[in-house]
Amino acid sequence: MRSLSALLMILAVVNPCAVGAESPADARRTPVVVVFEAAKDAVVNISSTQIIETRSPLGFDRMFEEFFDLPSRRGFTRRFKRTSVGSGFVLHAAGYIVTNAHVVARTADRKAIFADEREFDAAIVAIDHERDLAVLKIEPPQPLTPLPLGRSGDLMVGETVIAIGNPLGYQHTVTAGVVSALGRTLEISQDVAFHGLIQTDASINPGNSGGPLLNILGELIGVNMAIRGDAQNIGFAIPVDQLRSVLPELLDVERRYGILTGVRVGPGEPCRVLAVVEDGPADQAGIELGDVITAVGDHVVGGGIDFHVSLIGRRAGQATLVTVRRGDETAQLPITFAERPAPDGAVLLKEKLGVEAVALTSRMAGALGLREPVGLMVTGVEPGSPAAATGFKRGDVLFQIGRHEITSLKDVGQLLEQVGPGDALRVSILRVSGRVTYRLSTEIKAR
């Protein structure tokens, strides 16, 4: 007769749950399941309405023409009025969301939809067409759960990756695959290409754009952006290190929140102080050149981007403890953020571009057939000015300068404050002609 221990061993092999082993569900809980369950609440569906007409470079590949909003040379070619979907993910608990530029660049309104079906209006904070990245802002009633930012510099070809998004509108779809290659170049036209991309065989379809590509630890290592329409399982993602490099400018926290820190930090890790403004807030707090900032308040700072993210929501006059490492010593220094002086946007707009403008009201927007009062109404263009040479007209709506959407003359002042003579700016305007609204993007040189 078999011994009891031998019988239990047989039962354990036949049915692992029979002798106190983990449940069947636990046994099936793969790393992909764990990552999806941890990340799903930080992934959003971006639903948007496009109601404007764009112009595109001649010879532009039609497969990409519908998705990438790039500087054009001449000729209006298409009119868009449709509902589209994309993906995004939470960058910061205060409601900052990252997606692709081509998901939101031509949109009239946007909704961020979470896994629990909560919906929020999403405003565009900034767009970077060069890297196909955009930052949106929603107003959640409570803090959100952001995705942890990983690194893409040490990615290995063949390592497992996980994509979450909304392909073809099927919300919160998860797929898994591997890193197929690194450093890929995706050519959109003769003049436009994206470099250094991650190639993956994790299934990506229209609607996945802007969603996260995660490693097996659940860290963001890329932003899904495009597929090869003439192939299977060839998708591309923007490496997270490219996102890290441009986030300080996209967020532009000091301008957005009207604060001054008086310190400049490096982009990498650790977060090392590169410059301190004499008698500024950081200088008064005792922060010195070469210090390593490890925390701002309760926010742990591992690198430069963490420092900029830690400033989100800070206000002028607010005192915050900054933890710094100096040699072998660590200290907590109280810093009180100063108020950033607000330059006169109307004056700078006229001085540098030759444009007179007023804030667009809801009534003005309605008269133009626009859904949102976003931007400035051009009320005058100085003859011989950069704006006149570019083709600005009275009645145009100026809504973007550089990477940033503008809603007021205050925004314009803060954006033009550092612009010098001869500096090239990318500007975008809306122009209404009859029942058609055109979107024009071009470069203008400040004087």
Protein backbone atom coordinates (compact mmCIF):
# COMPACT_ATOMS: atom_id res chain seq x y z
CA MET A 1 0.00 0.00 0.00
CA ARG A 2 1.32 3.39 -0.99
CA SER A 3 2.34 5.68 1.81
CA LEU A 4 0.27 8.81 2.49
CA SER A 5 3.15 11.08 1.45
CA ALA A 6 3.50 9.28 -1.88
CA LEU A 7 -0.25 9.57 -2.48
CA LEU A 8 -0.17 13.29 -1.74
CA MET A 9 2.69 13.68 -4.21
CA ILE A 10 0.63 11.96 -6.91
CA LEU A 11 -2.39 14.15 -6.13
CA ALA A 12 -0.22 17.25 -6.32
CA VAL A 13 0.92 16.33 -9.81
CA VAL A 14 -2.59 15.49 -11.03
CA ASN A 15 -4.25 18.47 -9.32
CA PRO A 16 -1.90 21.08 -7.89
CA CYS A 17 -4.77 22.67 -5.95
CA ALA A 18 -5.53 19.47 -4.05
CA VAL A 19 -2.73 19.86 -1.57
CA GLY A 20 -2.54 23.51 -0.72
CA ALA A 21 -0.87 24.61 -3.94
CA GLU A 22 -1.72 27.90 -5.63
CA SER A 23 -5.11 28.27 -7.29
CA PRO A 24 -5.52 27.58 -11.03
CA ALA A 25 -5.94 31.32 -11.63
CA ASP A 26 -2.68 32.07 -9.82
CA ALA A 27 -0.91 29.36 -11.79
CA ARG A 28 -2.06 30.99 -15.02
CA ARG A 29 -1.07 34.50 -13.97
CA THR A 30 1.75 35.15 -16.40
CA PRO A 31 3.97 38.25 -16.34
CA VAL A 32 1.86 39.67 -19.17
CA VAL A 33 -1.26 39.37 -17.01
CA VAL A 34 0.50 41.05 -14.10
CA VAL A 35 1.67 43.96 -16.27
CA PHE A 36 -1.75 44.47 -17.86
CA GLU A 37 -3.56 44.46 -14.51
CA ALA A 38 -1.10 47.01 -13.11
CA ALA A 39 -1.15 49.29 -16.17
CA LYS A 40 -4.71 49.16 -17.53
CA ASP A 41 -6.04 52.01 -15.37
CA ALA A 42 -3.31 54.30 -16.70
CA VAL A 43 -4.17 53.69 -20.38
CA VAL A 44 -6.84 55.78 -22.08
CA ASN A 45 -8.79 55.77 -25.30
CA ILE A 46 -8.52 59.09 -27.14
CA SER A 47 -11.75 59.78 -29.01
CA SER A 48 -11.69 62.91 -31.15
CA THR A 49 -13.56 64.80 -33.83
CA GLN A 50 -11.72 66.21 -36.81
CA ILE A 51 -13.59 68.90 -38.68
CA ILE A 52 -10.89 70.84 -40.52
CA GLU A 53 -9.23 70.76 -43.89
CA THR A 54 -5.48 70.34 -44.18
CA ARG A 55 -2.96 70.72 -46.91
CA SER A 56 -0.16 68.26 -47.53
CA PRO A 57 3.15 68.13 -49.39
CA LEU A 58 2.78 66.98 -52.97
CA GLY A 59 3.74 63.36 -53.38
CA PHE A 60 3.08 62.60 -49.69
CA ASP A 61 2.47 58.92 -49.12
CA ARG A 62 -1.29 58.50 -48.70
CA MET A 63 -0.86 55.82 -46.04
CA PHE A 64 0.76 58.40 -43.76
CA GLU A 65 -0.99 61.52 -45.04
CA GLU A 66 -4.06 60.79 -42.96
CA PHE A 67 -2.07 60.50 -39.75
CA PHE A 68 0.89 62.88 -39.67
CA ASP A 69 0.42 66.64 -39.48
CA LEU A 70 3.56 68.02 -41.07
CA PRO A 71 4.64 71.36 -42.57
CA SER A 72 3.24 71.70 -46.06
CA ARG A 73 4.53 73.43 -49.11
CA ARG A 74 1.50 74.29 -51.21
CA GLY A 75 -2.00 73.32 -52.16
CA PHE A 76 -5.06 72.19 -50.20
CA THR A 77 -5.77 68.57 -50.83
CA ARG A 78 -8.25 67.10 -48.34
CA ARG A 79 -11.13 67.87 -46.06
CA PHE A 80 -11.58 65.92 -42.84
CA LYS A 81 -14.69 65.62 -40.76
CA ARG A 82 -14.70 62.39 -38.85
CA THR A 83 -14.50 60.71 -35.48
CA SER A 84 -11.22 58.96 -34.84
CA VAL A 85 -9.71 56.92 -32.05
CA GLY A 86 -6.25 56.59 -30.63
CA SER A 87 -4.59 55.71 -27.38
CA GLY A 88 -2.67 57.43 -24.63
CA PHE A 89 -1.41 56.94 -21.11
CA VAL A 90 -1.24 58.87 -17.85
CA LEU A 91 2.08 60.62 -17.31
CA HIS A 92 1.24 62.42 -14.06
CA ALA A 93 -1.39 62.08 -11.36
CA ALA A 94 -2.54 65.68 -11.96
CA GLY A 95 -4.08 64.65 -15.28
CA TYR A 96 -1.28 64.87 -17.84
CA ILE A 97 -1.59 62.35 -20.67
CA VAL A 98 0.86 61.46 -23.44
CA THR A 99 -0.18 60.38 -26.92
CA ASN A 100 1.00 60.77 -30.53
CA ALA A 101 0.92 64.16 -32.22
CA HIS A 102 -0.90 62.66 -35.19
CA VAL A 103 -3.70 61.41 -32.92
CA VAL A 104 -4.70 64.92 -31.80
CA ALA A 105 -3.02 67.45 -34.13
CA ARG A 106 -6.06 68.18 -36.28
CA THR A 107 -8.77 67.60 -33.71
CA ALA A 108 -11.53 70.00 -32.76
CA ASP A 109 -12.35 68.25 -29.47
CA ARG A 110 -10.99 65.28 -27.58
CA LYS A 111 -12.19 62.82 -24.93
CA ALA A 112 -9.96 60.68 -22.74
CA ILE A 113 -11.83 57.48 -21.82
CA PHE A 114 -10.57 55.21 -19.05
CA ALA A 115 -11.05 51.50 -18.53
CA ASP A 116 -13.86 52.16 -16.03
CA GLU A 117 -15.64 54.21 -18.76
CA ARG A 118 -15.00 57.60 -17.14
CA GLU A 119 -14.70 60.32 -19.78
CA PHE A 120 -12.90 63.66 -19.57
CA ASP A 121 -12.46 66.53 -21.99
CA ALA A 122 -8.79 66.71 -22.94
CA ALA A 123 -7.01 69.97 -23.80
CA ILE A 124 -3.80 70.01 -25.83
CA VAL A 125 -0.86 71.29 -23.79
CA ALA A 126 1.87 70.88 -26.41
CA ILE A 127 2.65 69.03 -29.63
CA ASP A 128 6.03 67.92 -30.99
CA HIS A 129 5.61 66.96 -34.66
CA GLU A 130 9.31 66.17 -35.03
CA ARG A 131 8.97 63.20 -32.67
CA ASP A 132 5.21 62.66 -33.10
CA LEU A 133 4.46 63.28 -29.42
CA ALA A 134 1.78 65.31 -27.67
CA VAL A 135 0.80 66.09 -24.09
CA LEU A 136 -2.86 66.50 -23.09
CA LYS A 137 -4.41 67.75 -19.85
CA ILE A 138 -7.62 66.57 -18.21
CA GLU A 139 -9.17 67.65 -14.91
CA PRO A 140 -9.75 64.49 -12.86
CA PRO A 141 -11.63 64.72 -9.54
CA GLN A 142 -8.91 62.72 -7.81
CA PRO A 143 -5.26 61.88 -8.58
CA LEU A 144 -4.64 59.39 -11.37
CA THR A 145 -2.22 56.48 -11.46
CA PRO A 146 0.64 57.21 -13.89
CA LEU A 147 2.75 54.66 -15.72
CA PRO A 148 6.34 54.37 -14.47
CA LEU A 149 8.86 55.62 -17.04
CA GLY A 150 11.54 53.10 -17.87
CA ARG A 151 14.61 53.41 -20.07
CA SER A 152 15.07 52.42 -23.69
CA GLY A 153 18.85 52.71 -23.89
CA ASP A 154 19.41 49.16 -22.67
CA LEU A 155 16.66 47.39 -24.62
CA MET A 156 17.55 43.96 -25.94
CA VAL A 157 16.43 42.55 -29.26
CA GLY A 158 14.22 39.59 -28.42
CA GLU A 159 13.04 40.76 -25.01
CA THR A 160 9.32 40.56 -24.26
CA VAL A 161 7.21 43.70 -24.71
CA ILE A 162 3.53 44.39 -24.11
CA ALA A 163 1.28 46.84 -25.96
CA ILE A 164 -2.00 48.19 -24.57
CA GLY A 165 -4.34 50.33 -26.61
CA ASN A 166 -7.56 50.67 -28.52
CA PRO A 167 -7.08 49.07 -31.94
CA LEU A 168 -10.04 49.77 -34.22
CA GLY A 169 -11.93 51.05 -31.17
CA TYR A 170 -11.65 47.82 -29.16
CA GLN A 171 -10.75 49.47 -25.88
CA HIS A 172 -7.94 48.23 -23.66
CA THR A 173 -6.70 45.46 -25.89
CA VAL A 174 -3.43 43.89 -24.81
CA THR A 175 -0.94 42.18 -27.11
CA ALA A 176 2.52 40.79 -26.46
CA GLY A 177 5.57 40.18 -28.56
CA VAL A 178 9.26 40.94 -28.63
CA VAL A 179 11.59 43.74 -29.60
CA SER A 180 12.26 42.85 -33.23
CA ALA A 181 14.92 45.46 -33.89
CA LEU A 182 16.27 48.78 -32.60
CA GLY A 183 17.24 52.05 -34.22
CA ARG A 184 14.83 51.79 -37.13
CA THR A 185 14.07 54.74 -39.43
CA LEU A 186 10.55 55.31 -40.74
CA GLU A 187 10.47 57.56 -43.80
CA ILE A 188 7.19 59.42 -44.23
CA SER A 189 8.19 61.49 -47.24
CA GLN A 190 11.30 62.62 -49.03
CA ASP A 191 11.85 65.32 -46.41
CA VAL A 192 10.37 63.77 -43.26
CA ALA A 193 11.52 60.73 -41.32
CA PHE A 194 11.44 59.44 -37.75
CA HIS A 195 14.67 57.92 -36.45
CA GLY A 196 15.77 55.60 -33.68
CA LEU A 197 12.46 53.72 -33.45
CA ILE A 198 11.76 50.42 -31.73
CA GLN A 199 10.46 47.73 -34.08
CA THR A 200 8.16 45.15 -32.49
CA ASP A 201 6.02 42.22 -33.57
CA ALA A 202 3.46 42.86 -30.80
CA SER A 203 0.25 43.32 -32.77
CA ILE A 204 -0.46 47.02 -33.35
CA ASN A 205 -3.38 48.31 -35.41
CA PRO A 206 -5.01 51.68 -36.15
CA GLY A 207 -6.13 52.98 -32.78
CA ASN A 208 -3.04 51.73 -30.95
CA SER A 209 -1.22 54.96 -31.83
CA GLY A 210 -0.14 56.82 -28.71
CA GLY A 211 -0.52 53.83 -26.43
CA PRO A 212 2.24 52.43 -24.25
CA LEU A 213 4.79 49.77 -25.09
CA LEU A 214 5.86 48.20 -21.79
CA ASN A 215 8.62 45.88 -20.68
CA ILE A 216 8.03 42.83 -18.53
CA LEU A 217 8.47 44.98 -15.40
CA GLY A 218 5.54 47.17 -16.41
CA GLU A 219 7.75 50.15 -17.23
CA LEU A 220 7.08 52.36 -20.24
CA ILE A 221 9.80 51.79 -22.83
CA GLY A 222 8.07 53.20 -25.92
CA VAL A 223 5.06 55.01 -27.38
CA ASN A 224 3.39 53.05 -30.18
CA MET A 225 3.15 55.15 -33.33
CA ALA A 226 2.82 53.30 -36.65
CA ILE A 227 2.57 50.05 -38.54
CA ARG A 228 3.61 48.91 -41.96
CA GLY A 229 0.30 48.62 -43.78
CA ASP A 230 1.77 46.31 -46.38
CA ALA A 231 3.15 43.82 -43.84
CA GLN A 232 2.17 41.80 -40.79
CA ASN A 233 3.54 42.24 -37.28
CA ILE A 234 5.87 45.10 -38.13
CA GLY A 235 5.10 47.94 -35.76
CA PHE A 236 7.11 50.91 -34.54
CA ALA A 237 7.32 52.75 -31.25
CA ILE A 238 9.05 55.95 -30.15
CA PRO A 239 11.67 55.08 -27.50
CA VAL A 240 10.88 56.45 -24.05
CA ASP A 241 14.26 58.17 -23.93
CA GLN A 242 13.08 60.43 -26.79
CA LEU A 243 9.99 61.25 -24.73
CA ARG A 244 12.17 62.00 -21.72
CA SER A 245 14.37 64.36 -23.72
CA VAL A 246 11.49 66.52 -24.94
CA LEU A 247 9.16 66.41 -21.92
CA PRO A 248 10.66 69.41 -20.09
CA GLU A 249 9.89 71.61 -23.10
CA LEU A 250 6.49 70.04 -23.72
CA LEU A 251 5.44 70.44 -20.10
CA ASP A 252 7.14 73.84 -19.69
CA VAL A 253 6.00 73.73 -16.08
CA GLU A 254 7.47 77.06 -14.98
CA ARG A 255 5.64 78.90 -17.77
CA ARG A 256 2.42 76.96 -17.32
CA TYR A 257 2.22 77.53 -13.57
CA GLY A 258 3.84 80.97 -13.52
CA ILE A 259 6.68 80.02 -11.18
CA LEU A 260 10.44 80.50 -11.08
CA THR A 261 12.81 78.00 -9.47
CA GLY A 262 16.08 79.70 -10.34
CA VAL A 263 17.76 76.40 -11.10
CA ARG A 264 18.65 74.43 -14.24
CA VAL A 265 19.21 70.69 -14.07
CA GLY A 266 20.66 68.16 -16.49
CA PRO A 267 18.39 65.85 -18.51
CA GLY A 268 19.90 62.57 -17.35
CA GLU A 269 20.38 60.65 -14.13
CA PRO A 270 21.10 61.65 -11.47
CA CYS A 271 19.38 65.04 -11.41
CA ARG A 272 22.44 67.26 -11.20
CA VAL A 273 22.24 71.03 -10.82
CA LEU A 274 23.93 72.72 -13.81
CA ALA A 275 23.16 76.36 -13.02
CA VAL A 276 21.77 78.45 -10.17
CA VAL A 277 20.41 81.96 -10.75
CA GLU A 278 22.02 84.40 -8.36
CA ASP A 279 19.61 85.46 -5.60
CA GLY A 280 16.87 83.32 -7.14
CA PRO A 281 14.67 80.90 -5.15
CA ALA A 282 17.14 78.00 -5.41
CA ASP A 283 20.09 80.20 -4.46
CA GLN A 284 18.22 81.58 -1.47
CA ALA A 285 17.36 78.03 -0.40
CA GLY A 286 21.04 77.07 -0.39
CA ILE A 287 21.10 74.88 -3.51
CA GLU A 288 24.54 74.90 -5.13
CA LEU A 289 26.05 74.09 -8.50
CA GLY A 290 26.81 70.35 -8.67
CA ASP A 291 24.21 69.32 -6.08
CA VAL A 292 22.14 66.25 -6.92
CA ILE A 293 18.41 66.69 -6.33
CA THR A 294 16.87 63.46 -5.06
CA ALA A 295 13.38 64.62 -4.07
CA VAL A 296 10.99 67.57 -4.31
CA GLY A 297 8.50 67.31 -1.49
CA ASP A 298 7.31 63.69 -1.48
CA HIS A 299 8.18 63.23 -5.16
CA VAL A 300 11.29 61.07 -5.64
CA VAL A 301 13.60 62.51 -8.30
CA GLY A 302 15.78 60.05 -10.18
CA GLY A 303 16.64 62.26 -13.14
CA GLY A 304 16.03 65.57 -14.83
CA ILE A 305 12.60 64.70 -16.17
CA ASP A 306 11.48 63.64 -12.69
CA PHE A 307 12.41 67.10 -11.44
CA HIS A 308 10.25 68.84 -14.05
CA VAL A 309 7.33 66.49 -13.38
CA SER A 310 7.69 67.15 -9.64
CA LEU A 311 7.00 70.86 -10.26
CA ILE A 312 3.55 70.22 -11.73
CA GLY A 313 0.93 71.96 -9.65
CA ARG A 314 3.39 74.07 -7.64
CA ARG A 315 2.46 77.69 -7.07
CA ALA A 316 4.35 80.93 -6.53
CA GLY A 317 4.88 81.60 -2.83
CA GLN A 318 4.62 77.91 -2.00
CA ALA A 319 7.41 76.55 0.20
CA THR A 320 8.64 73.05 -0.62
CA LEU A 321 11.42 70.91 0.82
CA VAL A 322 14.02 69.91 -1.77
CA THR A 323 16.30 67.03 -0.84
CA VAL A 324 19.81 67.34 -2.23
CA ARG A 325 22.93 65.21 -2.05
CA ARG A 326 26.22 67.06 -1.81
CA GLY A 327 29.19 64.74 -1.68
CA ASP A 328 28.49 62.25 1.10
CA GLU A 329 25.93 64.46 2.83
CA THR A 330 22.19 64.84 2.33
CA ALA A 331 20.15 67.89 3.25
CA GLN A 332 16.56 69.07 2.99
CA LEU A 333 16.41 72.68 1.86
CA PRO A 334 13.20 74.75 1.90
CA ILE A 335 12.66 76.55 -1.42
CA THR A 336 9.92 79.13 -1.99
CA PHE A 337 8.99 79.44 -5.65
CA ALA A 338 8.91 82.98 -7.00
CA GLU A 339 6.25 84.36 -9.31
CA ARG A 340 7.24 84.44 -12.96
CA PRO A 341 6.68 87.93 -14.36
CA ALA A 342 4.02 87.94 -17.05
CA PRO A 343 5.28 89.67 -20.21
CA ASP A 344 2.86 91.71 -22.32
CA GLY A 345 1.75 89.27 -25.02
CA ALA A 346 0.03 91.90 -27.15
CA VAL A 347 3.18 94.02 -27.29
CA LEU A 348 5.49 91.09 -28.08
CA LEU A 349 3.14 89.70 -30.72
CA LYS A 350 3.16 93.03 -32.55
CA GLU A 351 6.87 93.71 -32.03
CA LYS A 352 8.14 90.30 -33.12
CA LEU A 353 5.55 89.13 -35.68
CA GLY A 354 3.57 92.23 -36.65
CA VAL A 355 0.23 90.82 -35.51
CA GLU A 356 -2.55 92.43 -33.51
CA ALA A 357 -4.93 89.97 -31.86
CA VAL A 358 -7.52 89.48 -29.14
CA ALA A 359 -8.58 86.40 -27.22
CA LEU A 360 -11.19 84.34 -29.03
CA THR A 361 -14.51 84.39 -27.17
CA SER A 362 -17.23 81.75 -27.28
CA ARG A 363 -19.35 84.11 -29.35
CA MET A 364 -16.55 84.64 -31.87
CA ALA A 365 -15.91 80.90 -32.06
CA GLY A 366 -19.59 80.23 -32.68
CA ALA A 367 -19.72 82.80 -35.46
CA LEU A 368 -16.78 81.07 -37.14
CA GLY A 369 -18.34 77.63 -36.72
CA LEU A 370 -15.69 76.51 -34.23
CA ARG A 371 -16.65 74.35 -31.30
CA GLU A 372 -14.12 75.76 -28.85
CA PRO A 373 -12.86 79.32 -28.22
CA VAL A 374 -9.22 78.28 -28.48
CA GLY A 375 -6.65 80.74 -29.79
CA LEU A 376 -6.47 84.40 -30.71
CA MET A 377 -8.43 86.28 -33.35
CA VAL A 378 -6.12 88.26 -35.64
CA THR A 379 -7.49 91.81 -35.79
CA GLY A 380 -4.66 93.39 -37.76
CA VAL A 381 -1.51 92.54 -39.73
CA GLU A 382 1.23 95.14 -40.09
CA PRO A 383 2.28 95.66 -43.74
CA GLY A 384 5.79 94.38 -44.41
CA SER A 385 5.88 92.41 -41.18
CA PRO A 386 6.88 88.74 -40.83
CA ALA A 387 3.20 87.87 -40.46
CA ALA A 388 2.31 89.74 -43.66
CA ALA A 389 5.10 87.98 -45.54
CA THR A 390 3.82 84.63 -44.28
CA GLY A 391 0.27 85.37 -45.44
CA PHE A 392 -1.55 86.15 -42.18
CA LYS A 393 -4.94 87.81 -42.67
CA ARG A 394 -7.37 89.67 -40.49
CA GLY A 395 -9.88 87.11 -39.16
CA ASP A 396 -7.40 84.24 -38.91
CA VAL A 397 -7.30 82.35 -35.61
CA LEU A 398 -3.79 81.85 -34.25
CA PHE A 399 -3.91 78.77 -32.04
CA GLN A 400 -0.40 77.33 -31.84
CA ILE A 401 3.13 78.72 -31.53
CA GLY A 402 5.97 76.23 -31.57
CA ARG A 403 4.89 73.13 -29.69
CA HIS A 404 2.31 74.90 -27.55
CA GLU A 405 -1.38 75.58 -28.00
CA ILE A 406 -2.31 79.13 -27.00
CA THR A 407 -5.48 80.33 -25.31
CA SER A 408 -4.58 83.84 -24.24
CA LEU A 409 -2.23 86.77 -24.82
CA LYS A 410 -0.52 85.72 -21.59
CA ASP A 411 0.43 82.43 -23.26
CA VAL A 412 1.78 84.32 -26.25
CA GLY A 413 3.86 86.63 -24.09
CA GLN A 414 5.48 83.77 -22.23
CA LEU A 415 6.23 81.91 -25.47
CA LEU A 416 7.65 84.94 -27.31
CA GLU A 417 9.62 86.29 -24.37
CA GLN A 418 12.73 84.29 -25.25
CA VAL A 419 12.40 84.58 -29.04
CA GLY A 420 15.14 86.62 -30.68
CA PRO A 421 15.41 88.37 -34.06
CA GLY A 422 15.64 85.87 -36.89
CA ASP A 423 14.42 82.94 -34.78
CA ALA A 424 12.10 80.65 -36.74
CA LEU A 425 8.79 79.71 -35.15
CA ARG A 426 6.26 77.20 -36.36
CA VAL A 427 2.78 78.69 -36.15
CA SER A 428 -0.65 77.25 -36.90
CA ILE A 429 -3.79 79.16 -37.76
CA LEU A 430 -7.40 78.42 -38.66
CA ARG A 431 -8.93 80.27 -41.59
CA VAL A 432 -12.65 80.17 -42.31
CA SER A 433 -13.77 80.45 -45.92
CA GLY A 434 -17.51 80.01 -46.38
CA ARG A 435 -18.44 76.75 -44.71
CA VAL A 436 -14.94 75.34 -44.82
CA THR A 437 -12.33 75.80 -42.11
CA TYR A 438 -8.73 75.44 -43.20
CA ARG A 439 -5.75 74.67 -41.02
CA LEU A 440 -2.47 76.22 -42.09
CA SER A 441 0.92 75.50 -40.55
CA THR A 442 4.06 77.33 -41.54
CA GLU A 443 7.29 78.86 -40.26
CA ILE A 444 7.63 82.55 -39.49
CA LYS A 445 10.83 84.42 -38.61
CA ALA A 446 10.65 86.87 -35.76
CA ARG A 447 12.09 90.33 -36.20
